C-alpha atoms as a PDB file:
ATOM      1  CA  UNK A   1     -60.069 132.046 167.866  1.00  0.00           C
ATOM      2  CA  UNK A   2     -57.496 131.668 169.644  1.00  0.00           C
ATOM      3  CA  UNK A   3     -54.038 132.367 170.259  1.00  0.00           C
ATOM      4  CA  UNK A   4     -51.817 129.162 169.297  1.00  0.00           C
ATOM      5  CA  UNK A   5     -54.997 128.826 166.775  1.00  0.00           C
ATOM      6  CA  UNK A   6     -54.211 132.555 164.687  1.00  0.00           C
ATOM      7  CA  UNK A   7     -50.071 131.710 164.925  1.00  0.00           C
ATOM      8  CA  UNK A   8     -50.614 128.256 164.071  1.00  0.00           C
ATOM      9  CA  UNK A   9     -52.703 129.526 161.290  1.00  0.00           C
ATOM     10  CA  UNK A  10     -50.525 132.671 160.168  1.00  0.00           C
ATOM     11  CA  UNK A  11     -46.917 131.077 161.056  1.00  0.00           C
ATOM     12  CA  UNK A  12     -48.038 128.033 159.751  1.00  0.00           C
ATOM     13  CA  UNK A  13     -46.497 125.995 162.130  1.00  0.00           C
ATOM     14  CA  UNK A  14     -47.836 124.164 165.464  1.00  0.00           C
ATOM     15  CA  UNK A  15     -47.209 123.640 169.544  1.00  0.00           C
ATOM     16  CA  UNK A  16     -46.110 119.810 167.999  1.00  0.00           C
ATOM     17  CA  UNK A  17     -43.962 121.938 165.145  1.00  0.00           C
ATOM     18  CA  UNK A  18     -42.340 124.628 168.298  1.00  0.00           C
ATOM     19  CA  UNK A  19     -41.668 121.375 170.361  1.00  0.00           C
ATOM     20  CA  UNK A  20     -39.797 119.277 168.026  1.00  0.00           C
ATOM     21  CA  UNK A  21     -37.661 122.721 167.844  1.00  0.00           C
ATOM     22  CA  UNK A  22     -36.675 122.808 171.475  1.00  0.00           C
ATOM     23  CA  UNK A  23     -35.941 119.169 171.193  1.00  0.00           C
ATOM     24  CA  UNK A  24     -33.719 118.506 168.196  1.00  0.00           C
ATOM     25  CA  UNK A  25     -32.093 121.916 169.844  1.00  0.00           C
ATOM     26  CA  UNK A  26     -32.018 119.446 173.398  1.00  0.00           C
ATOM     27  CA  UNK A  27     -29.966 116.921 171.154  1.00  0.00           C
ATOM     28  CA  UNK A  28     -27.734 119.740 169.150  1.00  0.00           C
ATOM     29  CA  UNK A  29     -26.698 120.366 172.803  1.00  0.00           C
ATOM     30  CA  UNK A  30     -25.930 117.393 174.262  1.00  0.00           C
ATOM     31  CA  UNK A  31     -24.193 116.419 171.272  1.00  0.00           C
ATOM     32  CA  UNK A  32     -22.065 119.416 171.652  1.00  0.00           C
ATOM     33  CA  UNK A  33     -20.553 118.716 175.128  1.00  0.00           C
ATOM     34  CA  UNK A  34     -20.398 115.066 174.656  1.00  0.00           C
ATOM     35  CA  UNK A  35     -17.634 116.715 172.141  1.00  0.00           C
ATOM     36  CA  UNK A  36     -16.765 119.954 174.067  1.00  0.00           C
ATOM     37  CA  UNK A  37     -15.302 118.406 177.012  1.00  0.00           C
ATOM     38  CA  UNK A  38     -11.587 117.014 176.409  1.00  0.00           C
ATOM     39  CA  UNK A  39      -7.839 116.642 178.320  1.00  0.00           C
ATOM     40  CA  UNK A  40      -5.947 118.832 177.036  1.00  0.00           C
ATOM     41  CA  UNK A  41      -1.655 118.624 177.234  1.00  0.00           C
ATOM     42  CA  UNK A  42       0.061 122.046 178.498  1.00  0.00           C
ATOM     43  CA  UNK A  43       2.989 122.854 175.062  1.00  0.00           C
ATOM     44  CA  UNK A  44       6.497 121.882 176.660  1.00  0.00           C
ATOM     45  CA  UNK A  45       7.963 124.642 174.553  1.00  0.00           C
ATOM     46  CA  UNK A  46       6.690 127.176 176.208  1.00  0.00           C
ATOM     47  CA  UNK A  47       8.468 130.501 177.144  1.00  0.00           C
ATOM     48  CA  UNK A  48       7.191 131.145 180.019  1.00  0.00           C
ATOM     49  CA  UNK A  49       4.644 129.305 181.976  1.00  0.00           C
ATOM     50  CA  UNK A  50       0.610 130.165 182.717  1.00  0.00           C
ATOM     51  CA  UNK A  51      -1.621 129.322 185.096  1.00  0.00           C
ATOM     52  CA  UNK A  52      -4.993 129.424 185.920  1.00  0.00           C
ATOM     53  CA  UNK A  53      -7.760 128.588 189.243  1.00  0.00           C
ATOM     54  CA  UNK A  54      -9.650 125.623 188.194  1.00  0.00           C
ATOM     55  CA  UNK A  55     -12.982 126.276 187.539  1.00  0.00           C
ATOM     56  CA  UNK A  56     -14.569 123.530 190.609  1.00  0.00           C
ATOM     57  CA  UNK A  57     -12.085 123.713 193.268  1.00  0.00           C
ATOM     58  CA  UNK A  58     -10.073 126.819 192.724  1.00  0.00           C
ATOM     59  CA  UNK A  59      -6.770 124.838 192.904  1.00  0.00           C
ATOM     60  CA  UNK A  60      -4.089 126.886 191.074  1.00  0.00           C
ATOM     61  CA  UNK A  61      -2.945 124.326 187.642  1.00  0.00           C
ATOM     62  CA  UNK A  62       0.296 125.550 186.049  1.00  0.00           C
ATOM     63  CA  UNK A  63       2.383 124.835 182.953  1.00  0.00           C
ATOM     64  CA  UNK A  64       4.878 124.073 184.783  1.00  0.00           C
ATOM     65  CA  UNK A  65       3.760 122.107 187.592  1.00  0.00           C
ATOM     66  CA  UNK A  66       1.232 119.932 185.350  1.00  0.00           C
ATOM     67  CA  UNK A  67       0.275 118.100 182.665  1.00  0.00           C
ATOM     68  CA  UNK A  68      -2.050 118.730 181.167  1.00  0.00           C
ATOM     69  CA  UNK A  69      -6.136 119.857 182.244  1.00  0.00           C
ATOM     70  CA  UNK A  70      -9.592 119.304 181.653  1.00  0.00           C
ATOM     71  CA  UNK A  71     -12.064 121.911 179.379  1.00  0.00           C
ATOM     72  CA  UNK A  72     -15.799 121.564 179.277  1.00  0.00           C
ATOM     73  CA  UNK A  73     -17.074 124.214 176.983  1.00  0.00           C
ATOM     74  CA  UNK A  74     -21.056 125.032 177.169  1.00  0.00           C
ATOM     75  CA  UNK A  75     -21.233 126.643 173.625  1.00  0.00           C
ATOM     76  CA  UNK A  76     -24.580 126.755 173.455  1.00  0.00           C
ATOM     77  CA  UNK A  77     -24.788 128.835 176.600  1.00  0.00           C
ATOM     78  CA  UNK A  78     -21.633 131.351 175.406  1.00  0.00           C
ATOM     79  CA  UNK A  79     -20.331 131.080 172.078  1.00  0.00           C
ATOM     80  CA  UNK A  80     -17.322 132.955 172.214  1.00  0.00           C
ATOM     81  CA  UNK A  81     -16.070 131.099 175.500  1.00  0.00           C
ATOM     82  CA  UNK A  82     -13.492 129.000 175.906  1.00  0.00           C
ATOM     83  CA  UNK A  83     -15.098 126.903 177.836  1.00  0.00           C
ATOM     84  CA  UNK A  84     -14.377 125.848 181.869  1.00  0.00           C
ATOM     85  CA  UNK A  85     -10.824 125.024 183.039  1.00  0.00           C
ATOM     86  CA  UNK A  86     -10.259 122.506 185.203  1.00  0.00           C
ATOM     87  CA  UNK A  87      -7.411 120.095 187.830  1.00  0.00           C
ATOM     88  CA  UNK A  88      -8.950 117.402 187.182  1.00  0.00           C
ATOM     89  CA  UNK A  89     -11.156 114.691 185.276  1.00  0.00           C
ATOM     90  CA  UNK A  90     -13.425 114.675 188.576  1.00  0.00           C
ATOM     91  CA  UNK A  91     -13.612 118.302 188.917  1.00  0.00           C
ATOM     92  CA  UNK A  92     -14.458 118.594 185.271  1.00  0.00           C
ATOM     93  CA  UNK A  93     -16.554 115.286 185.515  1.00  0.00           C
ATOM     94  CA  UNK A  94     -18.884 117.103 188.316  1.00  0.00           C
ATOM     95  CA  UNK A  95     -19.437 120.282 185.719  1.00  0.00           C
ATOM     96  CA  UNK A  96     -20.001 118.004 182.943  1.00  0.00           C
ATOM     97  CA  UNK A  97     -22.914 115.591 185.032  1.00  0.00           C
ATOM     98  CA  UNK A  98     -24.423 118.708 186.167  1.00  0.00           C
ATOM     99  CA  UNK A  99     -24.486 120.486 182.705  1.00  0.00           C
ATOM    100  CA  UNK A 100     -25.569 117.434 181.202  1.00  0.00           C
ATOM    101  CA  UNK A 101     -28.586 116.432 183.543  1.00  0.00           C
ATOM    102  CA  UNK A 102     -29.430 120.837 182.788  1.00  0.00           C
ATOM    103  CA  UNK A 103     -30.151 118.992 179.522  1.00  0.00           C
ATOM    104  CA  UNK A 104     -31.393 115.797 180.407  1.00  0.00           C
ATOM    105  CA  UNK A 105     -33.334 117.831 182.591  1.00  0.00           C
ATOM    106  CA  UNK A 106     -34.622 119.566 179.638  1.00  0.00           C
ATOM    107  CA  UNK A 107     -35.549 117.343 176.982  1.00  0.00           C
ATOM    108  CA  UNK A 108     -37.516 114.660 179.696  1.00  0.00           C
ATOM    109  CA  UNK A 109     -39.939 118.169 180.204  1.00  0.00           C
ATOM    110  CA  UNK A 110     -40.520 118.526 176.279  1.00  0.00           C
ATOM    111  CA  UNK A 111     -40.610 114.657 175.758  1.00  0.00           C
ATOM    112  CA  UNK A 112     -43.742 115.137 178.395  1.00  0.00           C
ATOM    113  CA  UNK A 113     -45.319 118.182 177.231  1.00  0.00           C
ATOM    114  CA  UNK A 114     -45.692 116.697 174.118  1.00  0.00           C
ATOM    115  CA  UNK A 115     -46.802 113.379 175.510  1.00  0.00           C
ATOM    116  CA  UNK A 116     -49.665 115.939 177.367  1.00  0.00           C
ATOM    117  CA  UNK A 117     -50.655 117.105 173.205  1.00  0.00           C
ATOM    118  CA  UNK A 118     -51.109 114.466 171.907  1.00  0.00           C
ATOM    119  CA  UNK A 119     -53.138 112.292 174.600  1.00  0.00           C
ATOM    120  CA  UNK A 120     -55.229 116.072 174.183  1.00  0.00           C
ATOM    121  CA  UNK A 121     -55.192 116.131 170.839  1.00  0.00           C
ATOM    122  CA  UNK A 122     -56.430 112.075 170.968  1.00  0.00           C
ATOM    123  CA  UNK A 123     -59.058 113.307 173.273  1.00  0.00           C
ATOM    124  CA  UNK A 124     -60.602 115.996 170.775  1.00  0.00           C
ATOM    125  CA  UNK A 125     -60.700 113.736 167.686  1.00  0.00           C
ATOM    126  CA  UNK A 126     -61.801 111.366 169.398  1.00  0.00           C
ATOM    127  CA  UNK A 127     -65.001 114.259 170.999  1.00  0.00           C
ATOM    128  CA  UNK A 128     -66.148 115.169 167.312  1.00  0.00           C
END
């Protein structure tokens, strides 16, 4: 008996179940990325100015000269991270689009694997 069959019998889950769980995980990460991309305005009542360097271009952003900045959170990679900070929408879009493309590629790989599994199972059933 092969390992996949042993695991299926032991755990009660199939390879298709694992692929579905992976697909659900990717879908949740896509939604988290969408929700984690936003513009944040600096508070105006600060006693001391603060700032940071843009994660993408390295430009200095300061609370006493800039009105707002952008955040892109990727909490599935690091749940404790506050998100990446960016000087502009353009810089944030680059990071967001790259992160989204990674997730979409992973989703497509899972969907392709699910198709291969379905074709294999159909071929296996028809050969019996």
